[in-house]
Amino acid sequence: MDLSFETNQVNTLIEDLNQAYELTADTLLVIGTSTSEVAGEHIGSNGSYEIAEALFAAFMEAHEKTGVQLAFQCCEHLNRALVVERDTALSRGYEIVQAFPIRKAGGAMATYAFRKMKDPVLVESIQADVGMDIGNTLIGMHLKKVAVPLRSKVKTVGEAHVTMAVTRPKLIGGIRAVYERTEEHE
């Protein structure tokens, strides 16, 4: 199975995401992926390590280029826990939980990521800066409070629908609040 097209689609999505929200070593990207949906199957029905491998390569390339921290969401059988590097969990104060994803309880993508990351752990929840949902896996619970949808030239990866979001700080205050920097602030 040649998955270069799907890998290229993810690369374009990452470029669009990076244009909207600069990906750096301080940025946390949550990734939800149904490899079944990418293959044109019903979510959770036919997880594929081959698809996971191709997509993971694109995400790791982005990590190597930008330093972006990655979080791979597990399926509902692990309560949508996330695979992250231990350093990410510790530096952000996330509580590490005890479980190991497998294809039928965690999903192929999270399981593949857990096998390939340097020092992976599972955490129960995060507050990511940006997110990419491939196959309607429902990543919204893992984004910071104010998520803003992001459109891309790419609408699908394989057969899976893609949704992306960036976040921004909350706008607080009342009628006198100012939300953009002016000369008065200099």
N, C-alpha and C. Protein backbone atom coordinates (compact mmCIF):
# COMPACT_ATOMS: atom_id res chain seq x y z
N MET A 1 0.85 -1.18 0.00
CA MET A 1 0.00 0.00 0.00
C MET A 1 0.89 1.24 0.00
N ASP A 2 0.76 2.07 -1.00
CA ASP A 2 1.52 3.31 -1.09
C ASP A 2 0.77 4.41 -0.35
N LEU A 3 1.35 4.88 0.73
CA LEU A 3 0.69 5.90 1.56
C LEU A 3 1.36 7.27 1.42
N SER A 4 2.15 7.46 0.39
CA SER A 4 2.84 8.75 0.22
C SER A 4 1.84 9.89 0.03
N PHE A 5 0.71 9.63 -0.61
CA PHE A 5 -0.30 10.67 -0.79
C PHE A 5 -0.84 11.14 0.58
N GLU A 6 -1.14 10.19 1.46
CA GLU A 6 -1.64 10.53 2.79
C GLU A 6 -0.59 11.28 3.60
N THR A 7 0.67 10.85 3.48
CA THR A 7 1.76 11.54 4.17
C THR A 7 1.88 12.98 3.66
N ASN A 8 1.77 13.15 2.36
CA ASN A 8 1.82 14.50 1.78
C ASN A 8 0.65 15.35 2.26
N GLN A 9 -0.54 14.75 2.39
CA GLN A 9 -1.69 15.48 2.90
C GLN A 9 -1.42 15.98 4.32
N VAL A 10 -0.85 15.13 5.17
CA VAL A 10 -0.53 15.53 6.55
C VAL A 10 0.53 16.62 6.54
N ASN A 11 1.53 16.51 5.68
CA ASN A 11 2.55 17.57 5.59
C ASN A 11 1.93 18.91 5.24
N THR A 12 0.97 18.92 4.31
CA THR A 12 0.29 20.17 3.95
C THR A 12 -0.53 20.69 5.13
N LEU A 13 -1.21 19.81 5.83
CA LEU A 13 -1.98 20.22 7.01
C LEU A 13 -1.07 20.86 8.05
N ILE A 14 0.09 20.26 8.28
CA ILE A 14 1.04 20.80 9.26
C ILE A 14 1.54 22.17 8.81
N GLU A 15 1.80 22.34 7.52
CA GLU A 15 2.23 23.65 7.00
C GLU A 15 1.14 24.70 7.24
N ASP A 16 -0.11 24.34 6.96
CA ASP A 16 -1.22 25.28 7.18
C ASP A 16 -1.35 25.62 8.66
N LEU A 17 -1.20 24.62 9.50
CA LEU A 17 -1.26 24.84 10.95
C LEU A 17 -0.14 25.78 11.40
N ASN A 18 1.06 25.54 10.88
CA ASN A 18 2.21 26.36 11.25
C ASN A 18 2.07 27.81 10.77
N GLN A 19 1.39 28.02 9.66
CA GLN A 19 1.15 29.39 9.19
C GLN A 19 0.17 30.13 10.11
N ALA A 20 -0.79 29.41 10.65
CA ALA A 20 -1.80 30.03 11.50
C ALA A 20 -1.33 30.21 12.95
N TYR A 21 -0.45 29.32 13.40
CA TYR A 21 0.02 29.32 14.78
C TYR A 21 1.43 28.75 14.74
N GLU A 22 2.42 29.57 14.95
CA GLU A 22 3.80 29.12 14.81
C GLU A 22 4.09 27.94 15.73
N LEU A 23 4.50 26.84 15.13
CA LEU A 23 4.84 25.64 15.88
C LEU A 23 6.28 25.77 16.38
N THR A 24 6.44 25.70 17.70
CA THR A 24 7.76 25.80 18.33
C THR A 24 7.87 24.72 19.40
N ALA A 25 8.99 24.70 20.08
CA ALA A 25 9.21 23.74 21.17
C ALA A 25 8.26 23.98 22.34
N ASP A 26 7.65 25.16 22.40
CA ASP A 26 6.69 25.47 23.46
C ASP A 26 5.25 25.13 23.08
N THR A 27 5.03 24.69 21.85
CA THR A 27 3.69 24.40 21.35
C THR A 27 3.36 22.93 21.55
N LEU A 28 2.15 22.66 22.02
CA LEU A 28 1.67 21.29 22.17
C LEU A 28 0.58 21.04 21.15
N LEU A 29 0.78 20.03 20.30
CA LEU A 29 -0.15 19.64 19.25
C LEU A 29 -0.82 18.34 19.64
N VAL A 30 -2.14 18.36 19.78
CA VAL A 30 -2.89 17.13 20.02
C VAL A 30 -3.33 16.57 18.67
N ILE A 31 -3.14 15.27 18.51
CA ILE A 31 -3.45 14.58 17.26
C ILE A 31 -4.40 13.43 17.56
N GLY A 32 -5.56 13.47 16.96
CA GLY A 32 -6.49 12.35 17.03
C GLY A 32 -6.57 11.75 15.64
N THR A 33 -6.40 10.44 15.53
CA THR A 33 -6.40 9.80 14.22
C THR A 33 -7.13 8.48 14.25
N SER A 34 -8.06 8.30 13.35
CA SER A 34 -8.66 7.00 13.11
C SER A 34 -8.04 6.45 11.82
N THR A 35 -7.15 5.48 11.97
CA THR A 35 -6.56 4.88 10.78
C THR A 35 -7.62 4.10 10.00
N SER A 36 -8.65 3.63 10.69
CA SER A 36 -9.77 2.97 10.00
C SER A 36 -10.44 3.94 9.05
N GLU A 37 -10.72 5.16 9.52
CA GLU A 37 -11.36 6.18 8.68
C GLU A 37 -10.47 6.57 7.50
N VAL A 38 -9.16 6.67 7.74
CA VAL A 38 -8.23 6.99 6.65
C VAL A 38 -8.38 5.95 5.54
N ALA A 39 -8.57 4.70 5.94
CA ALA A 39 -8.70 3.60 4.97
C ALA A 39 -10.11 3.50 4.39
N GLY A 40 -11.02 4.35 4.84
CA GLY A 40 -12.38 4.31 4.30
C GLY A 40 -13.31 3.39 5.05
N GLU A 41 -12.90 2.95 6.24
CA GLU A 41 -13.70 2.06 7.07
C GLU A 41 -14.33 2.86 8.21
N HIS A 42 -15.23 2.23 8.95
CA HIS A 42 -15.87 2.86 10.10
C HIS A 42 -14.85 3.00 11.23
N ILE A 43 -14.87 4.13 11.93
CA ILE A 43 -13.94 4.39 13.03
C ILE A 43 -13.91 3.21 14.01
N GLY A 44 -12.70 2.80 14.36
CA GLY A 44 -12.51 1.72 15.31
C GLY A 44 -12.68 0.32 14.77
N SER A 45 -12.89 0.18 13.48
CA SER A 45 -13.20 -1.15 12.94
C SER A 45 -12.02 -1.89 12.32
N ASN A 46 -10.99 -1.15 11.90
CA ASN A 46 -9.92 -1.80 11.14
C ASN A 46 -8.63 -1.01 11.25
N GLY A 47 -8.13 -0.84 12.47
CA GLY A 47 -6.92 -0.07 12.70
C GLY A 47 -5.74 -0.62 11.93
N SER A 48 -4.89 0.28 11.44
CA SER A 48 -3.78 -0.11 10.59
C SER A 48 -2.47 0.51 11.08
N TYR A 49 -1.52 -0.36 11.44
CA TYR A 49 -0.20 0.13 11.82
C TYR A 49 0.54 0.70 10.61
N GLU A 50 0.25 0.19 9.43
CA GLU A 50 0.89 0.70 8.22
C GLU A 50 0.51 2.16 7.98
N ILE A 51 -0.78 2.47 8.13
CA ILE A 51 -1.23 3.86 8.00
C ILE A 51 -0.64 4.70 9.13
N ALA A 52 -0.67 4.17 10.35
CA ALA A 52 -0.12 4.89 11.50
C ALA A 52 1.35 5.23 11.27
N GLU A 53 2.11 4.29 10.74
CA GLU A 53 3.53 4.51 10.47
C GLU A 53 3.74 5.67 9.50
N ALA A 54 2.96 5.70 8.43
CA ALA A 54 3.10 6.76 7.42
C ALA A 54 2.76 8.12 8.00
N LEU A 55 1.69 8.20 8.78
CA LEU A 55 1.29 9.48 9.35
C LEU A 55 2.25 9.91 10.46
N PHE A 56 2.69 8.95 11.27
CA PHE A 56 3.63 9.25 12.35
C PHE A 56 4.91 9.86 11.80
N ALA A 57 5.36 9.37 10.65
CA ALA A 57 6.58 9.90 10.04
C ALA A 57 6.43 11.39 9.75
N ALA A 58 5.26 11.79 9.26
CA ALA A 58 5.02 13.21 8.97
C ALA A 58 5.01 14.04 10.25
N PHE A 59 4.39 13.52 11.30
CA PHE A 59 4.35 14.25 12.57
C PHE A 59 5.75 14.35 13.19
N MET A 60 6.53 13.29 13.09
CA MET A 60 7.89 13.34 13.63
C MET A 60 8.77 14.30 12.85
N GLU A 61 8.56 14.38 11.56
CA GLU A 61 9.31 15.34 10.74
C GLU A 61 9.00 16.77 11.20
N ALA A 62 7.73 17.04 11.47
CA ALA A 62 7.35 18.36 11.98
C ALA A 62 7.99 18.62 13.34
N HIS A 63 8.01 17.60 14.19
CA HIS A 63 8.65 17.74 15.50
C HIS A 63 10.14 18.07 15.34
N GLU A 64 10.81 17.36 14.44
CA GLU A 64 12.24 17.58 14.24
C GLU A 64 12.52 18.97 13.67
N LYS A 65 11.65 19.46 12.80
CA LYS A 65 11.85 20.79 12.19
C LYS A 65 11.54 21.93 13.14
N THR A 66 10.48 21.80 13.94
CA THR A 66 9.99 22.92 14.73
C THR A 66 10.16 22.74 16.24
N GLY A 67 10.32 21.51 16.69
CA GLY A 67 10.37 21.23 18.12
C GLY A 67 9.00 21.02 18.73
N VAL A 68 7.92 21.16 17.95
CA VAL A 68 6.57 21.02 18.48
C VAL A 68 6.44 19.72 19.27
N GLN A 69 5.78 19.83 20.43
CA GLN A 69 5.52 18.66 21.26
C GLN A 69 4.27 17.96 20.74
N LEU A 70 4.29 16.64 20.73
CA LEU A 70 3.19 15.86 20.17
C LEU A 70 2.44 15.09 21.25
N ALA A 71 1.12 15.03 21.09
CA ALA A 71 0.26 14.24 21.97
C ALA A 71 -0.70 13.46 21.07
N PHE A 72 -0.65 12.14 21.15
CA PHE A 72 -1.50 11.28 20.32
C PHE A 72 -2.65 10.76 21.18
N GLN A 73 -3.87 11.11 20.79
CA GLN A 73 -5.05 10.72 21.56
C GLN A 73 -5.40 9.26 21.31
N CYS A 74 -5.66 8.55 22.41
CA CYS A 74 -6.14 7.18 22.33
C CYS A 74 -7.65 7.18 22.06
N CYS A 75 -8.18 6.03 21.76
CA CYS A 75 -9.62 5.91 21.53
C CYS A 75 -10.39 5.89 22.86
N GLU A 76 -11.70 5.77 22.77
CA GLU A 76 -12.55 5.83 23.96
C GLU A 76 -12.32 4.67 24.92
N HIS A 77 -11.72 3.56 24.44
CA HIS A 77 -11.48 2.42 25.32
C HIS A 77 -10.41 2.71 26.36
N LEU A 78 -9.63 3.76 26.14
CA LEU A 78 -8.71 4.26 27.17
C LEU A 78 -9.11 5.68 27.57
N ASN A 79 -10.40 5.96 27.45
CA ASN A 79 -10.97 7.26 27.87
C ASN A 79 -10.26 8.44 27.22
N ARG A 80 -9.82 8.27 25.99
CA ARG A 80 -9.17 9.31 25.22
C ARG A 80 -7.91 9.87 25.91
N ALA A 81 -7.23 8.99 26.66
CA ALA A 81 -5.94 9.36 27.25
C ALA A 81 -4.98 9.69 26.11
N LEU A 82 -3.82 10.23 26.44
CA LEU A 82 -2.90 10.71 25.41
C LEU A 82 -1.50 10.17 25.61
N VAL A 83 -0.86 9.83 24.51
CA VAL A 83 0.54 9.40 24.51
C VAL A 83 1.39 10.64 24.30
N VAL A 84 2.27 10.92 25.26
CA VAL A 84 3.20 12.05 25.17
C VAL A 84 4.57 11.57 25.65
N GLU A 85 5.57 12.35 25.33
CA GLU A 85 6.89 12.08 25.89
C GLU A 85 6.86 12.41 27.39
N ARG A 86 7.60 11.63 28.16
CA ARG A 86 7.66 11.85 29.62
C ARG A 86 8.07 13.30 29.93
N ASP A 87 9.03 13.85 29.17
CA ASP A 87 9.47 15.23 29.38
C ASP A 87 8.31 16.21 29.23
N THR A 88 7.45 15.97 28.24
CA THR A 88 6.29 16.84 28.03
C THR A 88 5.36 16.76 29.23
N ALA A 89 5.08 15.55 29.68
CA ALA A 89 4.18 15.37 30.83
C ALA A 89 4.74 16.08 32.07
N LEU A 90 6.01 15.88 32.34
CA LEU A 90 6.61 16.45 33.55
C LEU A 90 6.73 17.96 33.47
N SER A 91 7.15 18.49 32.32
CA SER A 91 7.34 19.94 32.20
C SER A 91 6.01 20.69 32.26
N ARG A 92 4.92 20.06 31.88
CA ARG A 92 3.61 20.70 31.88
C ARG A 92 2.78 20.33 33.10
N GLY A 93 3.32 19.52 33.97
CA GLY A 93 2.62 19.15 35.20
C GLY A 93 1.46 18.19 34.99
N TYR A 94 1.50 17.40 33.93
CA TYR A 94 0.43 16.44 33.67
C TYR A 94 0.66 15.18 34.49
N GLU A 95 -0.42 14.65 35.04
CA GLU A 95 -0.33 13.42 35.81
C GLU A 95 -0.21 12.22 34.87
N ILE A 96 0.79 11.41 35.10
CA ILE A 96 0.99 10.20 34.30
C ILE A 96 0.07 9.12 34.84
N VAL A 97 -0.60 8.40 33.93
CA VAL A 97 -1.49 7.31 34.31
C VAL A 97 -0.93 6.00 33.80
N GLN A 98 -1.40 4.90 34.38
CA GLN A 98 -0.86 3.58 34.05
C GLN A 98 -1.79 2.81 33.12
N ALA A 99 -1.38 2.70 31.89
CA ALA A 99 -2.05 1.87 30.89
C ALA A 99 -1.12 1.83 29.68
N PHE A 100 -1.31 0.84 28.83
CA PHE A 100 -0.53 0.73 27.61
C PHE A 100 -1.50 0.56 26.45
N PRO A 101 -1.45 1.46 25.49
CA PRO A 101 -2.37 1.34 24.36
C PRO A 101 -2.03 0.13 23.50
N ILE A 102 -3.09 -0.51 23.00
CA ILE A 102 -2.98 -1.56 22.01
C ILE A 102 -3.97 -1.20 20.91
N ARG A 103 -3.89 -1.88 19.78
CA ARG A 103 -4.74 -1.52 18.64
C ARG A 103 -6.22 -1.53 18.99
N LYS A 104 -6.68 -2.50 19.78
CA LYS A 104 -8.11 -2.61 20.10
C LYS A 104 -8.50 -1.80 21.35
N ALA A 105 -7.54 -1.23 22.05
CA ALA A 105 -7.83 -0.39 23.22
C ALA A 105 -6.78 0.72 23.26
N GLY A 106 -7.02 1.72 22.50
CA GLY A 106 -6.09 2.83 22.37
C GLY A 106 -6.02 3.29 20.93
N GLY A 107 -6.11 2.33 20.02
CA GLY A 107 -6.09 2.64 18.60
C GLY A 107 -4.72 2.44 17.99
N ALA A 108 -4.69 2.21 16.69
CA ALA A 108 -3.44 1.92 15.99
C ALA A 108 -2.47 3.10 16.04
N MET A 109 -2.98 4.34 15.89
CA MET A 109 -2.08 5.50 15.86
C MET A 109 -1.40 5.71 17.21
N ALA A 110 -2.17 5.71 18.28
CA ALA A 110 -1.60 5.92 19.61
C ALA A 110 -0.67 4.77 19.98
N THR A 111 -1.04 3.56 19.61
CA THR A 111 -0.19 2.40 19.90
C THR A 111 1.12 2.50 19.15
N TYR A 112 1.05 2.86 17.88
CA TYR A 112 2.27 3.01 17.09
C TYR A 112 3.15 4.11 17.68
N ALA A 113 2.55 5.24 18.02
CA ALA A 113 3.31 6.34 18.62
C ALA A 113 3.98 5.89 19.92
N PHE A 114 3.24 5.16 20.75
CA PHE A 114 3.80 4.69 22.02
C PHE A 114 5.02 3.80 21.78
N ARG A 115 4.98 3.00 20.75
CA ARG A 115 6.10 2.10 20.42
C ARG A 115 7.31 2.87 19.90
N LYS A 116 7.08 4.00 19.22
CA LYS A 116 8.16 4.68 18.50
C LYS A 116 8.72 5.92 19.21
N MET A 117 8.00 6.45 20.18
CA MET A 117 8.50 7.65 20.87
C MET A 117 9.66 7.27 21.79
N LYS A 118 10.45 8.27 22.16
CA LYS A 118 11.66 8.05 22.95
C LYS A 118 11.35 7.50 24.34
N ASP A 119 10.49 8.18 25.08
CA ASP A 119 10.15 7.79 26.46
C ASP A 119 8.67 8.09 26.69
N PRO A 120 7.79 7.32 26.06
CA PRO A 120 6.36 7.64 26.09
C PRO A 120 5.69 7.28 27.41
N VAL A 121 4.70 8.10 27.74
CA VAL A 121 3.82 7.82 28.88
C VAL A 121 2.41 8.19 28.47
N LEU A 122 1.45 7.76 29.27
CA LEU A 122 0.06 8.14 29.05
C LEU A 122 -0.35 9.16 30.09
N VAL A 123 -1.07 10.18 29.66
CA VAL A 123 -1.67 11.16 30.57
C VAL A 123 -3.16 11.19 30.28
N GLU A 124 -3.92 11.59 31.28
CA GLU A 124 -5.37 11.53 31.15
C GLU A 124 -5.95 12.72 30.39
N SER A 125 -5.35 13.89 30.56
CA SER A 125 -5.86 15.07 29.86
C SER A 125 -4.75 16.09 29.71
N ILE A 126 -4.94 16.96 28.73
CA ILE A 126 -3.97 18.02 28.44
C ILE A 126 -4.73 19.27 28.06
N GLN A 127 -3.99 20.34 27.85
CA GLN A 127 -4.54 21.58 27.29
C GLN A 127 -3.60 21.99 26.16
N ALA A 128 -3.89 21.46 24.97
CA ALA A 128 -3.03 21.70 23.81
C ALA A 128 -3.28 23.07 23.20
N ASP A 129 -2.25 23.58 22.56
CA ASP A 129 -2.32 24.87 21.87
C ASP A 129 -3.00 24.74 20.51
N VAL A 130 -2.77 23.63 19.84
CA VAL A 130 -3.31 23.37 18.50
C VAL A 130 -3.72 21.92 18.40
N GLY A 131 -4.60 21.64 17.45
CA GLY A 131 -5.06 20.27 17.31
C GLY A 131 -5.36 19.89 15.88
N MET A 132 -5.20 18.60 15.60
CA MET A 132 -5.54 18.03 14.30
C MET A 132 -6.32 16.74 14.55
N ASP A 133 -7.52 16.70 14.00
CA ASP A 133 -8.41 15.56 14.17
C ASP A 133 -8.63 14.92 12.80
N ILE A 134 -8.10 13.73 12.64
CA ILE A 134 -8.21 12.99 11.37
C ILE A 134 -9.18 11.83 11.59
N GLY A 135 -10.40 11.99 11.09
CA GLY A 135 -11.37 10.91 11.21
C GLY A 135 -12.40 11.10 12.31
N ASN A 136 -12.65 12.36 12.71
CA ASN A 136 -13.69 12.68 13.70
C ASN A 136 -13.51 11.94 15.01
N THR A 137 -12.32 12.06 15.59
CA THR A 137 -12.00 11.39 16.85
C THR A 137 -12.33 12.23 18.08
N LEU A 138 -12.76 13.46 17.89
CA LEU A 138 -13.21 14.35 18.97
C LEU A 138 -12.09 14.74 19.94
N ILE A 139 -11.20 15.59 19.47
CA ILE A 139 -10.06 16.05 20.27
C ILE A 139 -10.36 17.30 21.09
N GLY A 140 -11.53 17.89 20.91
CA GLY A 140 -11.83 19.19 21.52
C GLY A 140 -11.60 19.26 23.02
N MET A 141 -11.82 18.16 23.73
CA MET A 141 -11.64 18.16 25.18
C MET A 141 -10.19 18.38 25.59
N HIS A 142 -9.27 18.25 24.64
CA HIS A 142 -7.85 18.37 24.94
C HIS A 142 -7.23 19.67 24.43
N LEU A 143 -8.07 20.62 24.02
CA LEU A 143 -7.59 21.92 23.58
C LEU A 143 -7.80 22.95 24.69
N LYS A 144 -7.00 24.00 24.68
CA LYS A 144 -7.23 25.11 25.60
C LYS A 144 -8.62 25.67 25.38
N LYS A 145 -9.10 26.47 26.32
CA LYS A 145 -10.49 26.92 26.38
C LYS A 145 -11.03 27.57 25.11
N VAL A 146 -10.27 28.43 24.46
CA VAL A 146 -10.81 29.13 23.30
C VAL A 146 -10.18 28.56 22.03
N ALA A 147 -10.89 27.62 21.42
CA ALA A 147 -10.42 26.99 20.18
C ALA A 147 -11.03 27.70 18.98
N VAL A 148 -10.22 27.90 17.97
CA VAL A 148 -10.66 28.58 16.76
C VAL A 148 -10.47 27.61 15.59
N PRO A 149 -11.54 27.27 14.87
CA PRO A 149 -11.39 26.34 13.74
C PRO A 149 -10.43 26.90 12.70
N LEU A 150 -9.69 26.00 12.08
CA LEU A 150 -8.73 26.38 11.06
C LEU A 150 -9.03 25.60 9.78
N ARG A 151 -9.24 26.33 8.71
CA ARG A 151 -9.47 25.69 7.41
C ARG A 151 -8.14 25.44 6.72
N SER A 152 -8.11 24.37 5.97
CA SER A 152 -6.92 24.01 5.20
C SER A 152 -7.32 23.71 3.76
N LYS A 153 -6.32 23.73 2.89
CA LYS A 153 -6.55 23.30 1.52
C LYS A 153 -6.92 21.82 1.48
N VAL A 154 -6.43 21.08 2.47
CA VAL A 154 -6.67 19.64 2.56
C VAL A 154 -7.88 19.40 3.46
N LYS A 155 -8.86 18.70 2.94
CA LYS A 155 -10.09 18.42 3.69
C LYS A 155 -10.13 17.00 4.25
N THR A 156 -9.33 16.12 3.66
CA THR A 156 -9.31 14.72 4.09
C THR A 156 -7.88 14.20 4.08
N VAL A 157 -7.66 13.15 4.86
CA VAL A 157 -6.45 12.35 4.77
C VAL A 157 -6.94 10.96 4.41
N GLY A 158 -6.56 10.51 3.25
CA GLY A 158 -7.18 9.29 2.73
C GLY A 158 -8.67 9.57 2.60
N GLU A 159 -9.48 8.74 3.26
CA GLU A 159 -10.93 8.91 3.25
C GLU A 159 -11.45 9.62 4.51
N ALA A 160 -10.55 9.98 5.43
CA ALA A 160 -10.95 10.54 6.72
C ALA A 160 -11.09 12.06 6.67
N HIS A 161 -12.19 12.57 7.18
CA HIS A 161 -12.43 14.01 7.31
C HIS A 161 -11.42 14.58 8.30
N VAL A 162 -10.93 15.80 8.01
CA VAL A 162 -9.95 16.46 8.89
C VAL A 162 -10.53 17.76 9.42
N THR A 163 -10.35 17.97 10.71
CA THR A 163 -10.68 19.23 11.37
C THR A 163 -9.44 19.67 12.14
N MET A 164 -9.12 20.96 12.06
CA MET A 164 -8.00 21.49 12.83
C MET A 164 -8.45 22.71 13.62
N ALA A 165 -7.69 23.00 14.67
CA ALA A 165 -7.99 24.18 15.47
C ALA A 165 -6.71 24.75 16.05
N VAL A 166 -6.71 26.05 16.24
CA VAL A 166 -5.69 26.75 17.00
C VAL A 166 -6.40 27.33 18.21
N THR A 167 -5.65 27.74 19.19
CA THR A 167 -6.28 28.35 20.36
C THR A 167 -5.76 29.77 20.54
N ARG A 168 -6.48 30.53 21.32
CA ARG A 168 -6.05 31.89 21.65
C ARG A 168 -6.42 32.14 23.11
N PRO A 169 -5.78 33.13 23.73
CA PRO A 169 -6.15 33.47 25.11
C PRO A 169 -7.60 33.97 25.17
N LYS A 170 -8.21 33.78 26.32
CA LYS A 170 -9.57 34.29 26.54
C LYS A 170 -9.54 35.82 26.47
N LEU A 171 -10.60 36.41 25.95
CA LEU A 171 -10.77 37.86 25.99
C LEU A 171 -11.54 38.14 27.28
N ILE A 172 -10.91 38.84 28.22
CA ILE A 172 -11.55 39.09 29.51
C ILE A 172 -11.83 40.57 29.69
N GLY A 173 -12.64 40.90 30.64
CA GLY A 173 -12.92 42.29 30.95
C GLY A 173 -14.31 42.70 30.52
N GLY A 174 -14.54 43.99 30.60
CA GLY A 174 -15.85 44.53 30.26
C GLY A 174 -15.76 45.53 29.14
N ILE A 175 -16.63 46.49 29.18
CA ILE A 175 -16.78 47.47 28.12
C ILE A 175 -15.51 48.29 27.89
N ARG A 176 -14.69 48.46 28.93
CA ARG A 176 -13.47 49.27 28.78
C ARG A 176 -12.25 48.46 28.39
N ALA A 177 -12.38 47.18 28.30
CA ALA A 177 -11.24 46.31 27.96
C ALA A 177 -10.75 46.59 26.54
N VAL A 178 -9.44 46.47 26.36
CA VAL A 178 -8.81 46.66 25.07
C VAL A 178 -8.12 45.33 24.73
N TYR A 179 -8.31 44.85 23.52
CA TYR A 179 -7.81 43.53 23.14
C TYR A 179 -6.64 43.56 22.17
N GLU A 180 -6.29 44.75 21.68
CA GLU A 180 -5.15 44.86 20.78
C GLU A 180 -4.19 45.90 21.34
N ARG A 181 -2.90 45.65 21.19
CA ARG A 181 -1.87 46.54 21.69
C ARG A 181 -1.93 47.87 20.94
N THR A 182 -1.87 48.96 21.70
CA THR A 182 -1.90 50.30 21.10
C THR A 182 -0.68 51.08 21.58
N GLU A 183 -0.56 52.29 21.10
CA GLU A 183 0.56 53.16 21.52
C GLU A 183 0.54 53.38 23.03
N GLU A 184 -0.61 53.37 23.63
CA GLU A 184 -0.75 53.58 25.06
C GLU A 184 -0.02 52.51 25.86
N HIS A 185 0.19 51.32 25.25
CA HIS A 185 0.84 50.21 25.94
C HIS A 185 2.36 50.23 25.79
N GLU A 186 2.88 51.08 24.94
CA GLU A 186 4.33 51.08 24.66
C GLU A 186 5.06 51.88 25.70
